[in-house]
């Protein structure tokens, strides 16, 4: 869990520093790149970059105009969100390999409602909740869409594709002995796809054009981190002495025997180490 949090921090830093760099360049476009026909190697000749190194044919690896460069930079942000989402999912799979491989049902980590349905997790004193697993599964399906159908747009509403996901997850949950109902799968869909729809509307109302990839990335961070934390709550023995800690909002911690309050000198913190 600690290593997973470190990976998430690295990806967060990569995400936001890269996005800020894109924003900085685009904000200065009108003043720094007034002529879109200028070759980018002339406009950025002072920048140290492997883009200027010749390839095996002796040509620069990136030879475009500033107009094409800026157009591509505008498109990069959505792709950045997609790549970070896929990267974080890979780290989560590694976490599952290290932490719960012996408990896995089946030969793969998906659908999670099947692979994480073993009694050690599902019926533990502090069990892994079905809602958490369903939300993680929806993030898994979005990841699969990005990886296997990269030109397909991500869902921005509960369309026919999402309804098929919902029905399949409910069927898998019931067949894996979860006490699942249609309400469970509906609530998970509303928390993931429904919230993407709500956030996109809010962004438009505020005059912002944001891609759905941003919100799927943020919800993947949230839902897969929740999955990992609640796996820990299910598996950690009572009274087990730990030497490493992760920070988590106190309201989200169910095992209060694992809590060390992070209390500042004044007031009360909402965070704890667990």
Protein backbone atom coordinates (compact mmCIF):
# COMPACT_ATOMS: atom_id res chain seq x y z
CA UNK A 1 0.00 0.00 0.00
CA UNK A 2 2.85 2.38 0.80
CA UNK A 3 4.51 1.63 -2.54
CA UNK A 4 1.20 2.16 -4.34
CA UNK A 5 0.84 5.57 -2.70
CA UNK A 6 4.40 6.46 -3.74
CA UNK A 7 3.56 5.50 -7.32
CA UNK A 8 0.41 7.62 -7.21
CA UNK A 9 2.45 10.58 -5.96
CA UNK A 10 4.96 10.19 -8.80
CA UNK A 11 2.16 10.02 -11.36
CA UNK A 12 0.45 13.03 -9.78
CA UNK A 13 3.66 15.05 -10.07
CA UNK A 14 4.16 13.91 -13.67
CA UNK A 15 0.55 14.76 -14.52
CA UNK A 16 0.37 18.25 -13.09
CA UNK A 17 3.89 19.42 -14.01
CA UNK A 18 3.30 18.29 -17.59
CA UNK A 19 -0.13 19.93 -17.77
CA UNK A 20 1.31 23.18 -16.38
CA UNK A 21 4.03 23.11 -19.03
CA UNK A 22 1.41 22.71 -21.75
CA UNK A 23 -0.61 25.55 -20.27
CA UNK A 24 2.43 27.82 -20.06
CA UNK A 25 3.31 27.29 -23.72
CA UNK A 26 -0.28 27.77 -24.90
CA UNK A 27 -0.73 30.90 -22.79
CA UNK A 28 2.27 32.49 -24.54
CA UNK A 29 1.34 31.29 -28.02
CA UNK A 30 0.17 34.63 -29.41
CA UNK A 31 3.27 36.50 -28.24
CA UNK A 32 5.97 33.85 -28.73
CA UNK A 33 4.69 32.15 -31.89
CA UNK A 34 3.04 34.90 -33.90
CA UNK A 35 3.91 33.23 -37.20
CA UNK A 36 2.49 29.67 -37.27
CA UNK A 37 4.69 28.83 -40.28
CA UNK A 38 7.93 29.20 -38.30
CA UNK A 39 9.78 25.94 -37.90
CA UNK A 40 9.61 24.72 -34.34
CA UNK A 41 13.35 24.05 -34.18
CA UNK A 42 13.96 27.74 -34.83
CA UNK A 43 11.41 28.88 -32.26
CA UNK A 44 12.78 26.45 -29.68
CA UNK A 45 16.39 26.31 -30.73
CA UNK A 46 17.46 27.40 -27.25
CA UNK A 47 15.67 24.43 -25.65
CA UNK A 48 17.72 21.34 -24.95
CA UNK A 49 15.69 18.46 -26.37
CA UNK A 50 16.23 15.03 -27.90
CA UNK A 51 13.74 16.17 -30.54
CA UNK A 52 16.62 17.90 -32.33
CA UNK A 53 18.79 14.78 -32.41
CA UNK A 54 18.90 13.23 -35.88
CA UNK A 55 17.29 9.86 -36.49
CA UNK A 56 18.94 7.03 -38.41
CA UNK A 57 18.08 8.78 -41.70
CA UNK A 58 19.80 11.97 -40.50
CA UNK A 59 16.59 13.96 -40.04
CA UNK A 60 15.45 15.64 -36.84
CA UNK A 61 13.05 13.51 -34.83
CA UNK A 62 10.51 16.35 -34.68
CA UNK A 63 10.34 18.71 -37.63
CA UNK A 64 7.10 20.72 -37.66
CA UNK A 65 5.86 24.30 -37.76
CA UNK A 66 4.92 26.12 -34.57
CA UNK A 67 1.31 26.06 -35.75
CA UNK A 68 1.33 22.25 -35.89
CA UNK A 69 3.24 22.12 -32.61
CA UNK A 70 0.64 24.23 -30.80
CA UNK A 71 -2.25 22.25 -32.28
CA UNK A 72 -0.69 19.02 -31.06
CA UNK A 73 -0.01 20.50 -27.64
CA UNK A 74 -3.71 21.36 -27.27
CA UNK A 75 -4.57 17.74 -28.06
CA UNK A 76 -1.93 16.32 -25.73
CA UNK A 77 -3.81 16.99 -22.50
CA UNK A 78 -6.52 14.37 -23.02
CA UNK A 79 -3.88 11.83 -24.05
CA UNK A 80 -1.88 12.73 -20.95
CA UNK A 81 -4.88 11.90 -18.75
CA UNK A 82 -5.34 8.59 -20.58
CA UNK A 83 -1.71 7.54 -20.18
CA UNK A 84 -1.62 8.41 -16.49
CA UNK A 85 -4.85 6.46 -15.91
CA UNK A 86 -3.39 3.38 -17.62
CA UNK A 87 -0.13 3.77 -15.69
CA UNK A 88 -1.87 3.98 -12.34
CA UNK A 89 -3.97 0.92 -13.13
CA UNK A 90 -0.74 -1.00 -13.84
CA UNK A 91 0.62 -0.03 -10.41
CA UNK A 92 -2.64 -1.18 -8.83
CA UNK A 93 -2.35 -4.55 -10.52
CA UNK A 94 1.16 -4.85 -9.10
CA UNK A 95 -0.24 -4.02 -5.66
CA UNK A 96 -2.80 -6.82 -6.05
CA UNK A 97 -0.07 -9.23 -7.18
CA UNK A 98 1.99 -8.46 -4.09
CA UNK A 99 -0.86 -8.28 -1.58
CA UNK A 100 -3.65 -10.61 -2.63
CA UNK A 101 -2.41 -13.06 -5.27
CA UNK A 102 -3.02 -16.07 -3.03
CA UNK A 103 -6.63 -14.95 -2.55
CA UNK A 104 -7.41 -14.37 -6.21
CA UNK A 105 -10.33 -16.25 -7.70
CA UNK A 106 -9.52 -17.17 -11.30
CA UNK A 107 -6.45 -16.41 -13.38
CA UNK A 108 -6.67 -12.62 -13.76
CA UNK A 109 -7.50 -9.44 -11.85
CA UNK A 110 -10.77 -8.75 -13.59
CA UNK A 111 -13.66 -8.56 -13.25
CA UNK A 112 -12.81 -7.61 -9.68
CA UNK A 113 -16.22 -8.78 -8.50
CA UNK A 114 -15.00 -12.26 -9.40
CA UNK A 115 -11.27 -12.15 -8.72
CA UNK A 116 -11.76 -10.44 -5.31
CA UNK A 117 -14.76 -12.51 -4.23
CA UNK A 118 -12.90 -14.93 -1.96
CA UNK A 119 -14.24 -15.32 1.58
CA UNK A 120 -11.06 -13.86 3.14
CA UNK A 121 -12.10 -10.51 1.65
CA UNK A 122 -15.86 -10.80 1.19
CA UNK A 123 -16.70 -12.14 4.66
CA UNK A 124 -13.84 -10.71 6.74
CA UNK A 125 -14.69 -8.98 10.07
CA UNK A 126 -14.21 -5.72 8.15
CA UNK A 127 -15.22 -6.95 4.70
CA UNK A 128 -14.37 -5.54 1.31
CA UNK A 129 -17.58 -3.71 0.25
CA UNK A 130 -19.28 -4.67 -2.98
CA UNK A 131 -19.81 -1.00 -3.88
CA UNK A 132 -16.07 -0.36 -3.79
CA UNK A 133 -15.41 -3.37 -6.00
CA UNK A 134 -18.06 -2.36 -8.55
CA UNK A 135 -16.68 1.19 -8.81
CA UNK A 136 -13.17 -0.20 -9.28
CA UNK A 137 -14.51 -2.52 -11.98
CA UNK A 138 -16.03 0.40 -13.88
CA UNK A 139 -12.63 2.13 -13.80
CA UNK A 140 -11.13 -1.13 -15.06
CA UNK A 141 -13.57 -1.16 -17.97
CA UNK A 142 -12.68 2.44 -18.86
CA UNK A 143 -9.00 1.46 -18.76
CA UNK A 144 -9.71 -1.50 -21.05
CA UNK A 145 -11.53 0.78 -23.47
CA UNK A 146 -8.51 3.10 -23.62
CA UNK A 147 -6.05 0.24 -24.13
CA UNK A 148 -8.00 -1.96 -26.53
CA UNK A 149 -10.16 0.58 -28.39
CA UNK A 150 -8.05 3.76 -28.27
CA UNK A 151 -10.11 5.62 -30.89
CA UNK A 152 -13.42 5.06 -29.13
CA UNK A 153 -14.65 8.09 -27.14
CA UNK A 154 -15.15 7.54 -23.44
CA UNK A 155 -18.75 7.45 -22.20
CA UNK A 156 -20.16 10.77 -21.01
CA UNK A 157 -23.59 9.41 -20.06
CA UNK A 158 -25.26 6.12 -19.20
CA UNK A 159 -25.52 4.93 -22.80
CA UNK A 160 -26.12 1.42 -24.17
CA UNK A 161 -22.46 0.51 -23.71
CA UNK A 162 -22.57 1.46 -20.04
CA UNK A 163 -25.85 -0.42 -19.55
CA UNK A 164 -24.15 -3.55 -20.88
CA UNK A 165 -21.26 -3.01 -18.44
CA UNK A 166 -23.75 -2.62 -15.60
CA UNK A 167 -25.65 -5.80 -16.50
CA UNK A 168 -22.45 -7.83 -16.88
CA UNK A 169 -21.05 -6.66 -13.54
CA UNK A 170 -24.29 -7.49 -11.76
CA UNK A 171 -24.33 -10.97 -13.34
CA UNK A 172 -20.68 -11.57 -12.34
CA UNK A 173 -21.31 -10.33 -8.80
CA UNK A 174 -24.29 -12.62 -8.28
CA UNK A 175 -22.44 -15.62 -9.72
CA UNK A 176 -19.52 -14.88 -7.37
CA UNK A 177 -21.74 -15.05 -4.24
CA UNK A 178 -21.96 -11.34 -3.52
CA UNK A 179 -25.38 -10.31 -2.10
CA UNK A 180 -25.84 -8.09 -5.15
CA UNK A 181 -28.90 -6.38 -6.56
CA UNK A 182 -29.64 -4.12 -9.48
CA UNK A 183 -29.54 -1.18 -7.07
CA UNK A 184 -25.88 -1.95 -6.27
CA UNK A 185 -24.78 -1.87 -9.90
CA UNK A 186 -26.92 1.22 -10.57
CA UNK A 187 -25.36 3.15 -7.67
CA UNK A 188 -21.84 2.27 -8.82
CA UNK A 189 -22.59 3.44 -12.35
CA UNK A 190 -23.99 6.71 -10.99
CA UNK A 191 -20.91 7.25 -8.83
CA UNK A 192 -18.50 6.81 -11.75
CA UNK A 193 -20.15 7.53 -15.13
CA UNK A 194 -22.89 9.65 -13.59
CA UNK A 195 -20.37 11.85 -11.81
CA UNK A 196 -18.34 12.28 -15.00
CA UNK A 197 -21.51 13.57 -16.67
CA UNK A 198 -22.18 15.94 -13.74
CA UNK A 199 -18.63 17.31 -13.69
CA UNK A 200 -18.62 17.89 -17.43
CA UNK A 201 -21.87 19.85 -17.16
CA UNK A 202 -20.50 21.90 -14.28
CA UNK A 203 -17.35 22.67 -16.28
CA UNK A 204 -19.41 23.80 -19.28
CA UNK A 205 -21.60 25.95 -17.05
CA UNK A 206 -18.40 27.64 -15.83
CA UNK A 207 -17.22 28.23 -19.39
CA UNK A 208 -14.56 25.50 -19.32
CA UNK A 209 -13.94 22.87 -21.98
CA UNK A 210 -12.60 19.84 -20.15
CA UNK A 211 -12.35 16.32 -21.56
CA UNK A 212 -13.99 13.34 -19.83
CA UNK A 213 -10.54 11.76 -19.55
CA UNK A 214 -9.69 14.17 -16.73
CA UNK A 215 -12.57 13.05 -14.54
CA UNK A 216 -12.10 9.36 -15.31
CA UNK A 217 -8.47 9.72 -14.26
CA UNK A 218 -9.37 11.43 -10.98
CA UNK A 219 -12.09 8.87 -10.22
CA UNK A 220 -9.68 6.03 -11.03
CA UNK A 221 -7.20 7.45 -8.52
CA UNK A 222 -9.99 7.65 -5.94
CA UNK A 223 -11.70 4.32 -6.54
CA UNK A 224 -8.61 2.15 -6.89
CA UNK A 225 -7.02 3.74 -3.84
CA UNK A 226 -10.26 3.03 -1.97
CA UNK A 227 -10.10 -0.58 -3.16
CA UNK A 228 -6.55 -1.02 -1.91
CA UNK A 229 -7.21 0.63 1.46
CA UNK A 230 -10.27 -1.52 2.08
CA UNK A 231 -8.38 -4.66 1.11
CA UNK A 232 -5.92 -3.72 3.85
CA UNK A 233 -8.77 -3.26 6.32
CA UNK A 234 -10.06 -6.73 5.43
CA UNK A 235 -6.68 -8.47 5.63
CA UNK A 236 -4.76 -6.82 8.48
CA UNK A 237 -5.02 -8.81 11.69
CA UNK A 238 -6.18 -7.16 14.89
CA UNK A 239 -3.24 -6.04 16.97
CA UNK A 240 -0.76 -6.36 14.10
CA UNK A 241 2.14 -3.96 14.61
CA UNK A 242 2.95 -1.97 11.51
CA UNK A 243 6.09 -0.03 10.63
CA UNK A 244 4.82 1.86 7.56
CA UNK A 245 1.81 4.14 7.23
CA UNK A 246 -0.39 5.86 4.68
CA UNK A 247 -2.42 9.02 5.17
CA UNK A 248 -6.18 8.82 4.69
CA UNK A 249 -9.21 10.95 5.54
CA UNK A 250 -10.45 9.83 8.94
CA UNK A 251 -14.06 9.64 7.74
CA UNK A 252 -13.04 6.97 5.22
CA UNK A 253 -11.29 4.70 7.72
CA UNK A 254 -13.44 1.86 9.10
CA UNK A 255 -10.75 0.14 11.19
CA UNK A 256 -10.14 2.70 13.94
CA UNK A 257 -7.71 0.32 15.62
CA UNK A 258 -5.35 1.15 12.73
CA UNK A 259 -5.56 4.92 13.21
CA UNK A 260 -2.87 7.25 14.46
CA UNK A 261 -4.39 10.73 14.50
CA UNK A 262 -2.45 13.45 12.74
CA UNK A 263 -3.31 16.23 15.18
CA UNK A 264 -1.87 19.73 14.60
CA UNK A 265 -1.00 22.08 17.47
CA UNK A 266 -4.34 23.86 17.05
CA UNK A 267 -7.61 22.35 15.95
CA UNK A 268 -8.30 18.79 14.84
CA UNK A 269 -7.05 17.22 11.64
CA UNK A 270 -9.42 15.33 9.38
CA UNK A 271 -6.54 13.09 8.29
CA UNK A 272 -4.94 10.16 9.99
CA UNK A 273 -2.20 7.66 9.40
CA UNK A 274 -3.55 4.14 9.06
